[in-house]
Amino acid sequence: MSTAVHDKIDAEVKSQDVVLFMKGTPQFPMCGFSGQVVQILDYLGVPFKGVNVLDADDIRQGIKDYSNWPTIPQLYVKGEFVGGCDITREMFQSGELVEMMKTNGIPVREVAAG
């Protein structure tokens, strides 16, 4: 990965508290896994930035190298890689995701525990 691509991704990761590298946009996810993570974040009311990897091949491959994680979507909180769809879903179901957001000072909608 070129330094320019790494720096661009690094800037995106750090541009907001919660950043989701995904296929498509938060309004129009282009894959089911990206859509699931968007649904979880929306359900929790977490403000986040979606980065569409389909817009740029260098970002699409570069984010995999950046995180050393082979799949998309990829969720970042406060510049730290959290995981992909499965990890995000498991953390959401266990309550870990809400705790992580609160610990990092990110507003979360209070939802009834299911």
Protein backbone atom coordinates (compact mmCIF):
# COMPACT_ATOMS: atom_id res chain seq x y z
CA MET A 1 0.00 0.00 0.00
CA SER A 2 1.34 3.41 -0.92
CA THR A 3 2.02 5.99 1.76
CA ALA A 4 -0.56 8.30 0.16
CA VAL A 5 -3.30 5.66 0.41
CA HIS A 6 -2.31 4.81 3.99
CA ASP A 7 -2.37 8.49 4.97
CA LYS A 8 -5.75 8.98 3.28
CA ILE A 9 -7.25 6.01 5.14
CA ASP A 10 -5.63 7.12 8.40
CA ALA A 11 -7.18 10.58 7.98
CA GLU A 12 -10.62 9.02 7.32
CA VAL A 13 -10.35 6.71 10.35
CA LYS A 14 -9.53 9.69 12.56
CA SER A 15 -11.95 12.15 10.93
CA GLN A 16 -14.84 11.23 13.25
CA ASP A 17 -15.38 9.19 16.40
CA VAL A 18 -17.15 6.39 14.51
CA VAL A 19 -16.23 5.51 10.92
CA LEU A 20 -17.57 2.61 8.88
CA PHE A 21 -15.74 1.50 5.75
CA MET A 22 -18.50 -0.16 3.77
CA LYS A 23 -19.79 -1.16 0.36
CA GLY A 24 -22.25 1.56 -0.60
CA THR A 25 -23.44 4.40 1.62
CA PRO A 26 -25.35 4.44 4.92
CA GLN A 27 -28.48 5.37 2.94
CA PHE A 28 -27.90 2.70 0.26
CA PRO A 29 -25.71 -0.19 1.49
CA MET A 30 -24.55 -2.35 -1.42
CA CYS A 31 -24.06 -5.56 0.57
CA GLY A 32 -25.95 -7.26 3.36
CA PHE A 33 -23.06 -7.18 5.81
CA SER A 34 -22.57 -3.43 5.42
CA GLY A 35 -26.34 -3.02 5.78
CA GLN A 36 -26.37 -4.95 9.06
CA VAL A 37 -23.70 -2.76 10.64
CA VAL A 38 -25.53 0.38 9.47
CA GLN A 39 -28.75 -0.97 11.05
CA ILE A 40 -26.98 -1.61 14.36
CA LEU A 41 -25.41 1.87 14.45
CA ASP A 42 -28.71 3.49 13.45
CA TYR A 43 -30.59 1.48 16.08
CA LEU A 44 -28.16 2.72 18.72
CA GLY A 45 -28.44 6.26 17.36
CA VAL A 46 -24.67 6.47 16.99
CA PRO A 47 -23.51 9.25 14.68
CA PHE A 48 -21.04 7.80 12.18
CA LYS A 49 -19.36 8.47 8.88
CA GLY A 50 -19.71 5.92 6.08
CA VAL A 51 -16.84 5.57 3.61
CA ASN A 52 -17.87 3.86 0.37
CA VAL A 53 -15.02 1.56 -0.67
CA LEU A 54 -16.70 0.99 -4.04
CA ASP A 55 -15.80 4.56 -5.00
CA ALA A 56 -12.05 3.89 -5.02
CA ASP A 57 -10.14 0.66 -5.60
CA ASP A 58 -7.11 1.96 -3.70
CA ILE A 59 -9.26 2.49 -0.60
CA ARG A 60 -11.06 -0.82 -1.11
CA GLN A 61 -7.78 -2.77 -1.02
CA GLY A 62 -5.94 -0.31 1.19
CA ILE A 63 -8.36 -0.61 4.13
CA LYS A 64 -7.76 -4.38 4.19
CA ASP A 65 -4.02 -3.79 4.41
CA TYR A 66 -4.46 -0.95 6.93
CA SER A 67 -6.36 -3.12 9.41
CA ASN A 68 -4.89 -6.47 8.38
CA TRP A 69 -8.53 -7.63 8.10
CA PRO A 70 -9.66 -9.32 4.88
CA THR A 71 -13.30 -8.25 4.67
CA ILE A 72 -15.52 -5.18 4.45
CA PRO A 73 -17.33 -3.63 6.32
CA GLN A 74 -14.86 -2.43 8.91
CA LEU A 75 -15.90 -0.42 11.94
CA TYR A 76 -13.57 2.04 13.67
CA VAL A 77 -14.22 3.79 16.98
CA LYS A 78 -11.92 6.63 18.05
CA GLY A 79 -9.39 5.54 15.42
CA GLU A 80 -9.30 1.93 16.65
CA PHE A 81 -10.38 -1.02 14.50
CA VAL A 82 -13.35 -2.79 16.13
CA GLY A 83 -14.16 -5.47 13.58
CA GLY A 84 -16.38 -6.52 10.74
CA CYS A 85 -20.04 -7.45 10.61
CA ASP A 86 -19.90 -10.61 12.76
CA ILE A 87 -17.84 -9.02 15.53
CA THR A 88 -19.99 -5.87 15.53
CA ARG A 89 -23.18 -7.95 15.68
CA GLU A 90 -21.85 -10.13 18.52
CA MET A 91 -20.72 -7.06 20.47
CA PHE A 92 -24.13 -5.45 19.91
CA GLN A 93 -25.99 -8.55 21.13
CA SER A 94 -23.80 -8.90 24.23
CA GLY A 95 -24.01 -5.20 25.11
CA GLU A 96 -20.26 -4.70 24.60
CA LEU A 97 -20.78 -2.30 21.70
CA VAL A 98 -22.94 0.06 23.77
CA GLU A 99 -20.38 -0.05 26.59
CA MET A 100 -17.54 0.68 24.14
CA MET A 101 -19.43 3.68 22.75
CA LYS A 102 -20.23 5.04 26.22
CA THR A 103 -16.65 4.49 27.42
CA ASN A 104 -15.46 6.55 24.45
CA GLY A 105 -17.96 9.34 25.12
CA ILE A 106 -20.08 8.58 22.06
CA PRO A 107 -23.81 9.22 22.52
CA VAL A 108 -25.97 6.11 22.41
CA ARG A 109 -29.75 5.99 22.35
CA GLU A 110 -31.09 4.21 25.42
CA VAL A 111 -32.76 1.04 24.20
CA ALA A 112 -34.61 -1.60 26.12
CA ALA A 113 -32.48 -4.69 26.60
CA GLY A 114 -33.97 -7.55 24.64
